[in-house]
Amino acid sequence: MSGNVKEFLGITQNSCTFQGKVVGDPIIAAENYAYMVVRTAVSEQAANGSWMDVTIDVPIITTDPKKVTVLKDHVKDGRELLVEAYYTAWQAEGKAQHGFMIKRTVLGRKKYEPRQQG
């Protein structure tokens, strides 16, 4: 078979939605690159058959300067977010890396911080 025969992929989709809280402040590495972790939970069945919530830390990235600005100006530790993203993978310094690239972000409640008296 020839090497230039293309496989028909058919219907495909690379889309995820995460809702949770930001863990730590986003890392703004450049005007076109930011990284953060969103902690979310999923119900999983344990070996004994009972259900339990398991927390998952999801790596979220963006290379869009407008989204970087939103993260820098509005997202801090504990902020609730809904993130629509797609999965991406790459190589960096010979190591496999992966994360979820932001398509759209919806800002939720800020982390509760009691007001100072006085």
N, C-alpha and C. Protein backbone atom coordinates (compact mmCIF):
# COMPACT_ATOMS: atom_id res chain seq x y z
N MET A 1 0.84 -1.17 0.00
CA MET A 1 0.00 0.00 0.00
C MET A 1 0.89 1.24 0.00
N SER A 2 0.51 2.23 -0.75
CA SER A 2 1.28 3.46 -0.87
C SER A 2 1.25 4.26 0.43
N GLY A 3 2.33 5.00 0.73
CA GLY A 3 2.44 5.80 1.94
C GLY A 3 1.59 7.05 1.92
N ASN A 4 1.07 7.43 0.75
CA ASN A 4 0.28 8.65 0.69
C ASN A 4 -1.22 8.38 0.60
N VAL A 5 -1.66 7.20 1.03
CA VAL A 5 -3.09 6.91 1.11
C VAL A 5 -3.58 7.48 2.44
N LYS A 6 -4.58 8.34 2.35
CA LYS A 6 -5.09 9.00 3.55
C LYS A 6 -6.24 8.19 4.12
N GLU A 7 -6.22 8.06 5.43
CA GLU A 7 -7.30 7.36 6.12
C GLU A 7 -8.45 8.33 6.34
N PHE A 8 -9.66 7.90 6.07
CA PHE A 8 -10.82 8.72 6.36
C PHE A 8 -11.09 8.64 7.86
N LEU A 9 -11.05 9.80 8.51
CA LEU A 9 -11.23 9.82 9.95
C LEU A 9 -12.70 9.75 10.36
N GLY A 10 -13.59 10.11 9.47
CA GLY A 10 -15.00 10.11 9.83
C GLY A 10 -15.31 11.25 10.78
N ILE A 11 -16.34 11.09 11.55
CA ILE A 11 -16.75 12.14 12.48
C ILE A 11 -15.80 12.12 13.68
N THR A 12 -15.26 13.30 14.00
CA THR A 12 -14.36 13.41 15.15
C THR A 12 -14.75 14.63 15.98
N GLN A 13 -14.35 14.62 17.24
CA GLN A 13 -14.59 15.76 18.12
C GLN A 13 -13.54 15.76 19.21
N ASN A 14 -12.97 16.93 19.49
CA ASN A 14 -12.01 17.11 20.55
C ASN A 14 -12.51 18.29 21.38
N SER A 15 -13.34 18.01 22.37
CA SER A 15 -13.95 19.07 23.15
C SER A 15 -14.22 18.57 24.56
N CYS A 16 -13.93 19.42 25.54
CA CYS A 16 -14.13 19.08 26.95
C CYS A 16 -14.69 20.29 27.67
N THR A 17 -15.44 20.06 28.72
CA THR A 17 -15.91 21.13 29.58
C THR A 17 -15.55 20.76 31.01
N PHE A 18 -14.91 21.70 31.70
CA PHE A 18 -14.53 21.51 33.09
C PHE A 18 -15.14 22.63 33.92
N GLN A 19 -15.62 22.27 35.10
CA GLN A 19 -16.11 23.28 36.02
C GLN A 19 -15.46 22.97 37.36
N GLY A 20 -14.87 24.00 37.96
CA GLY A 20 -14.20 23.80 39.24
C GLY A 20 -13.58 25.07 39.74
N LYS A 21 -12.61 24.92 40.65
CA LYS A 21 -11.93 26.07 41.24
C LYS A 21 -10.47 26.08 40.84
N VAL A 22 -9.96 27.28 40.62
CA VAL A 22 -8.55 27.45 40.26
C VAL A 22 -7.70 27.16 41.50
N VAL A 23 -6.64 26.38 41.31
CA VAL A 23 -5.72 26.04 42.39
C VAL A 23 -4.47 26.89 42.21
N GLY A 24 -4.25 27.85 43.11
CA GLY A 24 -3.12 28.76 42.97
C GLY A 24 -3.43 29.80 41.90
N ASP A 25 -2.65 30.85 41.85
CA ASP A 25 -2.83 31.87 40.82
C ASP A 25 -2.33 31.35 39.48
N PRO A 26 -2.97 31.76 38.37
CA PRO A 26 -2.46 31.37 37.05
C PRO A 26 -1.02 31.84 36.87
N ILE A 27 -0.26 31.09 36.11
CA ILE A 27 1.12 31.47 35.78
C ILE A 27 1.07 32.17 34.43
N ILE A 28 1.43 33.44 34.43
CA ILE A 28 1.46 34.22 33.20
C ILE A 28 2.91 34.23 32.73
N ALA A 29 3.22 33.39 31.74
CA ALA A 29 4.61 33.23 31.30
C ALA A 29 5.00 34.26 30.24
N ALA A 30 4.04 34.75 29.49
CA ALA A 30 4.28 35.74 28.43
C ALA A 30 2.93 36.35 28.09
N GLU A 31 2.93 37.38 27.26
CA GLU A 31 1.66 38.00 26.89
C GLU A 31 0.78 37.07 26.06
N ASN A 32 1.38 35.99 25.54
CA ASN A 32 0.60 35.03 24.75
C ASN A 32 0.69 33.60 25.30
N TYR A 33 0.97 33.46 26.62
CA TYR A 33 0.99 32.12 27.21
C TYR A 33 0.68 32.20 28.70
N ALA A 34 -0.33 31.44 29.10
CA ALA A 34 -0.67 31.34 30.52
C ALA A 34 -1.06 29.90 30.82
N TYR A 35 -0.86 29.52 32.09
CA TYR A 35 -1.10 28.16 32.56
C TYR A 35 -1.78 28.23 33.91
N MET A 36 -2.76 27.36 34.13
CA MET A 36 -3.39 27.28 35.45
C MET A 36 -3.90 25.86 35.66
N VAL A 37 -4.27 25.58 36.88
CA VAL A 37 -4.82 24.28 37.24
C VAL A 37 -6.23 24.50 37.78
N VAL A 38 -7.18 23.76 37.25
CA VAL A 38 -8.55 23.80 37.74
C VAL A 38 -8.85 22.47 38.42
N ARG A 39 -9.29 22.56 39.68
CA ARG A 39 -9.63 21.35 40.43
C ARG A 39 -11.12 21.08 40.28
N THR A 40 -11.44 19.89 39.81
CA THR A 40 -12.81 19.48 39.62
C THR A 40 -12.99 18.11 40.27
N ALA A 41 -14.19 17.58 40.23
CA ALA A 41 -14.46 16.28 40.85
C ALA A 41 -15.29 15.43 39.92
N VAL A 42 -15.14 14.14 40.07
CA VAL A 42 -15.92 13.18 39.30
C VAL A 42 -16.30 12.04 40.24
N SER A 43 -17.49 11.48 40.05
CA SER A 43 -17.91 10.33 40.84
C SER A 43 -17.39 9.06 40.19
N GLU A 44 -16.72 8.25 40.98
CA GLU A 44 -16.19 6.97 40.48
C GLU A 44 -16.64 5.85 41.40
N GLN A 45 -16.80 4.68 40.82
CA GLN A 45 -17.20 3.53 41.60
C GLN A 45 -15.95 2.83 42.14
N ALA A 46 -15.93 2.62 43.45
CA ALA A 46 -14.80 1.96 44.09
C ALA A 46 -14.90 0.44 43.89
N ALA A 47 -13.84 -0.27 44.26
CA ALA A 47 -13.81 -1.73 44.10
C ALA A 47 -14.93 -2.41 44.88
N ASN A 48 -15.36 -1.81 46.01
CA ASN A 48 -16.42 -2.41 46.81
C ASN A 48 -17.82 -2.06 46.30
N GLY A 49 -17.90 -1.32 45.19
CA GLY A 49 -19.19 -0.99 44.59
C GLY A 49 -19.77 0.34 45.03
N SER A 50 -19.19 0.96 46.06
CA SER A 50 -19.73 2.25 46.51
C SER A 50 -19.20 3.37 45.61
N TRP A 51 -19.94 4.45 45.58
CA TRP A 51 -19.56 5.60 44.78
C TRP A 51 -18.89 6.65 45.66
N MET A 52 -17.87 7.30 45.11
CA MET A 52 -17.20 8.36 45.86
C MET A 52 -16.74 9.44 44.90
N ASP A 53 -16.63 10.67 45.42
CA ASP A 53 -16.14 11.78 44.61
C ASP A 53 -14.62 11.79 44.65
N VAL A 54 -14.02 11.89 43.48
CA VAL A 54 -12.57 11.93 43.36
C VAL A 54 -12.20 13.28 42.74
N THR A 55 -11.27 14.01 43.38
CA THR A 55 -10.85 15.29 42.81
C THR A 55 -9.77 15.07 41.77
N ILE A 56 -9.80 15.92 40.76
CA ILE A 56 -8.84 15.84 39.65
C ILE A 56 -8.32 17.25 39.40
N ASP A 57 -7.01 17.40 39.28
CA ASP A 57 -6.39 18.67 38.91
C ASP A 57 -6.13 18.66 37.41
N VAL A 58 -6.77 19.59 36.70
CA VAL A 58 -6.73 19.63 35.24
C VAL A 58 -5.81 20.76 34.78
N PRO A 59 -4.77 20.45 33.98
CA PRO A 59 -3.89 21.51 33.45
C PRO A 59 -4.58 22.24 32.30
N ILE A 60 -4.71 23.57 32.45
CA ILE A 60 -5.39 24.41 31.46
C ILE A 60 -4.38 25.43 30.95
N ILE A 61 -4.31 25.60 29.62
CA ILE A 61 -3.36 26.56 29.03
C ILE A 61 -4.06 27.42 27.99
N THR A 62 -3.43 28.54 27.66
CA THR A 62 -3.87 29.36 26.54
C THR A 62 -2.67 30.04 25.91
N THR A 63 -2.77 30.23 24.61
CA THR A 63 -1.76 30.99 23.87
C THR A 63 -2.40 32.20 23.19
N ASP A 64 -3.61 32.53 23.60
CA ASP A 64 -4.35 33.67 23.06
C ASP A 64 -4.13 34.88 23.96
N PRO A 65 -3.53 35.96 23.44
CA PRO A 65 -3.24 37.14 24.27
C PRO A 65 -4.46 37.71 24.98
N LYS A 66 -5.64 37.67 24.36
CA LYS A 66 -6.85 38.19 25.01
C LYS A 66 -7.25 37.34 26.20
N LYS A 67 -7.11 36.03 26.06
CA LYS A 67 -7.45 35.14 27.17
C LYS A 67 -6.42 35.27 28.30
N VAL A 68 -5.15 35.47 27.94
CA VAL A 68 -4.11 35.69 28.94
C VAL A 68 -4.46 36.93 29.77
N THR A 69 -4.90 37.99 29.12
CA THR A 69 -5.27 39.22 29.82
C THR A 69 -6.43 38.98 30.78
N VAL A 70 -7.43 38.21 30.36
CA VAL A 70 -8.56 37.89 31.24
C VAL A 70 -8.07 37.12 32.47
N LEU A 71 -7.20 36.12 32.25
CA LEU A 71 -6.68 35.36 33.39
C LEU A 71 -5.90 36.26 34.33
N LYS A 72 -5.05 37.12 33.77
CA LYS A 72 -4.21 38.01 34.58
C LYS A 72 -5.06 38.98 35.39
N ASP A 73 -6.11 39.53 34.79
CA ASP A 73 -6.91 40.56 35.44
C ASP A 73 -8.03 40.03 36.34
N HIS A 74 -8.54 38.83 36.08
CA HIS A 74 -9.75 38.39 36.76
C HIS A 74 -9.67 37.04 37.48
N VAL A 75 -8.62 36.28 37.26
CA VAL A 75 -8.58 34.92 37.82
C VAL A 75 -7.46 34.81 38.84
N LYS A 76 -7.85 34.42 40.04
CA LYS A 76 -6.90 34.20 41.14
C LYS A 76 -7.24 32.86 41.80
N ASP A 77 -6.42 32.46 42.75
CA ASP A 77 -6.63 31.23 43.50
C ASP A 77 -8.06 31.18 44.06
N GLY A 78 -8.72 30.05 43.87
CA GLY A 78 -10.05 29.83 44.42
C GLY A 78 -11.19 30.31 43.56
N ARG A 79 -10.92 31.00 42.46
CA ARG A 79 -11.99 31.48 41.57
C ARG A 79 -12.67 30.29 40.91
N GLU A 80 -13.99 30.31 40.90
CA GLU A 80 -14.74 29.27 40.22
C GLU A 80 -14.79 29.59 38.73
N LEU A 81 -14.60 28.57 37.91
CA LEU A 81 -14.59 28.74 36.46
C LEU A 81 -15.33 27.60 35.79
N LEU A 82 -15.86 27.90 34.62
CA LEU A 82 -16.28 26.89 33.68
C LEU A 82 -15.39 27.10 32.47
N VAL A 83 -14.70 26.05 32.04
CA VAL A 83 -13.76 26.15 30.93
C VAL A 83 -14.17 25.17 29.84
N GLU A 84 -14.40 25.70 28.64
CA GLU A 84 -14.57 24.85 27.47
C GLU A 84 -13.21 24.79 26.80
N ALA A 85 -12.74 23.58 26.51
CA ALA A 85 -11.36 23.41 26.04
C ALA A 85 -11.28 22.25 25.06
N TYR A 86 -10.08 22.10 24.49
CA TYR A 86 -9.78 20.91 23.71
C TYR A 86 -8.43 20.37 24.18
N TYR A 87 -8.26 19.08 24.05
CA TYR A 87 -7.04 18.41 24.48
C TYR A 87 -5.94 18.62 23.46
N THR A 88 -4.72 18.87 23.94
CA THR A 88 -3.57 18.99 23.06
C THR A 88 -2.35 18.35 23.72
N ALA A 89 -1.44 17.87 22.89
CA ALA A 89 -0.21 17.24 23.39
C ALA A 89 0.96 17.75 22.57
N TRP A 90 2.16 17.80 23.18
CA TRP A 90 3.36 18.28 22.50
C TRP A 90 4.59 17.72 23.20
N GLN A 91 5.74 17.93 22.60
CA GLN A 91 7.03 17.53 23.17
C GLN A 91 7.78 18.79 23.60
N ALA A 92 8.36 18.77 24.80
CA ALA A 92 9.19 19.87 25.28
C ALA A 92 10.40 19.27 25.99
N GLU A 93 11.57 19.61 25.49
CA GLU A 93 12.83 19.09 26.04
C GLU A 93 12.82 17.58 26.10
N GLY A 94 12.28 16.96 25.06
CA GLY A 94 12.27 15.51 24.94
C GLY A 94 11.24 14.80 25.80
N LYS A 95 10.36 15.55 26.47
CA LYS A 95 9.35 14.94 27.33
C LYS A 95 7.96 15.23 26.78
N ALA A 96 7.11 14.23 26.86
CA ALA A 96 5.73 14.40 26.43
C ALA A 96 5.00 15.30 27.41
N GLN A 97 4.30 16.28 26.90
CA GLN A 97 3.50 17.21 27.70
C GLN A 97 2.06 17.15 27.19
N HIS A 98 1.13 17.55 28.04
CA HIS A 98 -0.26 17.60 27.60
C HIS A 98 -1.02 18.61 28.44
N GLY A 99 -2.15 19.04 27.92
CA GLY A 99 -3.00 19.97 28.64
C GLY A 99 -4.26 20.22 27.85
N PHE A 100 -5.08 21.12 28.37
CA PHE A 100 -6.33 21.47 27.74
C PHE A 100 -6.27 22.94 27.37
N MET A 101 -6.43 23.23 26.08
CA MET A 101 -6.34 24.58 25.54
C MET A 101 -7.72 25.25 25.65
N ILE A 102 -7.75 26.45 26.20
CA ILE A 102 -9.01 27.16 26.41
C ILE A 102 -9.64 27.56 25.08
N LYS A 103 -10.93 27.22 24.94
CA LYS A 103 -11.76 27.75 23.86
C LYS A 103 -12.57 28.93 24.40
N ARG A 104 -13.16 28.73 25.60
CA ARG A 104 -14.02 29.74 26.20
C ARG A 104 -14.00 29.56 27.71
N THR A 105 -14.06 30.67 28.42
CA THR A 105 -14.07 30.63 29.89
C THR A 105 -15.25 31.45 30.40
N VAL A 106 -15.95 30.91 31.39
CA VAL A 106 -17.01 31.63 32.07
C VAL A 106 -16.57 31.82 33.52
N LEU A 107 -16.49 33.07 33.95
CA LEU A 107 -16.05 33.37 35.31
C LEU A 107 -17.18 33.12 36.29
N GLY A 108 -16.87 32.43 37.37
CA GLY A 108 -17.83 32.19 38.43
C GLY A 108 -17.47 33.03 39.65
N ARG A 109 -17.92 32.57 40.81
CA ARG A 109 -17.67 33.32 42.04
C ARG A 109 -16.20 33.38 42.38
N LYS A 110 -15.84 34.48 43.02
CA LYS A 110 -14.48 34.64 43.53
C LYS A 110 -14.36 33.89 44.84
N LYS A 111 -13.13 33.59 45.23
CA LYS A 111 -12.87 32.94 46.50
C LYS A 111 -13.34 33.85 47.63
N TYR A 112 -14.02 33.27 48.62
CA TYR A 112 -14.50 34.06 49.76
C TYR A 112 -13.32 34.53 50.59
N GLU A 113 -13.31 35.82 50.85
CA GLU A 113 -12.30 36.41 51.72
C GLU A 113 -13.01 37.35 52.68
N PRO A 114 -12.96 37.07 53.98
CA PRO A 114 -13.66 37.95 54.94
C PRO A 114 -13.12 39.37 54.87
N ARG A 115 -14.04 40.33 55.04
CA ARG A 115 -13.64 41.73 55.04
C ARG A 115 -12.88 42.08 56.30
N GLN A 116 -11.93 43.00 56.16
CA GLN A 116 -11.17 43.48 57.30
C GLN A 116 -12.05 44.40 58.13
N GLN A 117 -12.01 44.25 59.43
CA GLN A 117 -12.75 45.13 60.34
C GLN A 117 -11.95 46.40 60.55
N GLY A 118 -12.64 47.54 60.59
CA GLY A 118 -11.90 48.78 60.89
C GLY A 118 -12.20 49.82 59.98
